Amino acid sequence: MNTEELQTLEIPLSKLLAWNDNVRRTGVEERIGELADSIAAVGLLQGLVVKKEPRGKYAVIAGRRRPLALSRLAEEGKVKGTMSVPCRIAPKEADLPEISLTENVMRVPMHPADEFEAFQRLIAAGKSVADVAARFGVTGAVVLQRLALARVSPVLLAKYREGELNLELLQAFTLTDDHNAQEEVWSQLQPWDRKPCIVRQMLAERRHSGQ
């Protein structure tokens, strides 16, 4: 099956259902909190594959953990239950267990920082935000979020790759594109001060003071 044949559309979160035949049965909710935090920080990085169900519902064939994370964010009031989720519709003749297995076994995910920079290269090569969003089944807002993260200082991106700061903290540095300012704020942070709110406050103070 050619994945380009899949119909793409955005479906409200409230209309997504778990698929009972999903091959992932163990550890489904493991680290869901981390996934939810990641989505809250930079948006949904990858769309879902679904199949139509009665009464306007859709069962999630590939990407089972993402709706769980989104539902947690909805419960916390961080997203709306009606938010649109980018999805692709599996054709009726598709081998659904094979799609589910491929999603869970065959794909080795890139590090998020590599994805940010890859999106940046696509834009630099002449792709529009809308083109990139359509190609990867995400919204334009998500593409813009990734591009902002790609503009963070290479020094901080390297530290992110090494685990010295998490995604939420990296997001705070996007308040400015000034790499020198980003790096100076990082150097001034004590380990116990490495919080997004403190980073944003320090960058805002520098901007207001004209530094």
Foldseek 3Di string as FASTA:
>chain_A
DDLVPWAKDWFQLLQEDADPPQPDDPCLCPCLVVVLVLCLLQNDQAAFEWEDDPPNHTHTLADRSNSVSVVVCCVVVSDPSRDITMYTYDDPPDPSNVVSCCRVPVDDDDDLLVVLVVLVVVVVVPDDLVRVCVVRRHDSSSSVSSPLLNLEAPVVSVCCVVVVDDSNLSSLLSVDSDNVQSVVLVVPDDSVRSDSVSSNVSSVVCVVVVD
